Amino acid sequence: MLRARGEQLPPHEVVPGLGGKGVEDTPQTLGDVVRELIQQVPEGGRGLAIGHTPLIEKAVLGLTGAEIAPLAESEGVLLTQDADGTISVEELRV
C-alpha cells in the first residue's frame, strides 16, 4: 500500500538465519532466530514479521513445540512473550 501511494517503506531488516543459503532451516534453528528477534523488541513494543509458509509454521514449532496447520494467504500468528519468558501463539486465520 505504501508503495502504491508513493510513500517510503519504514526502516526494516533482513534477518540472517531465516531461510538463507547455508543455513540449517530446522524448526529449532528458526525458533532460535525468532527468539533472538523477540528479545530485541522493547518492553511493551511490537514487531511485525512478514514471511512465507512453511517458514512461520517451522518457527512456531521451534519456539513453542506446538505444531500449527499450514497458514493460508493473509494468515499469520501473534507471538506474545510473558514476563517469565514463555512465548504463546495465537493463530490469526481468515
Foldseek 3Di string as FASTA:
>chain_A
DCVVVVHDDPDDDDFPQQPDPPHDLALQSLLVSVLVVVVPADVVGDDDDDDAPPSQQSNCCNNQVDGDDIADPPWHWDWDQDPVRRIDIDTGHD
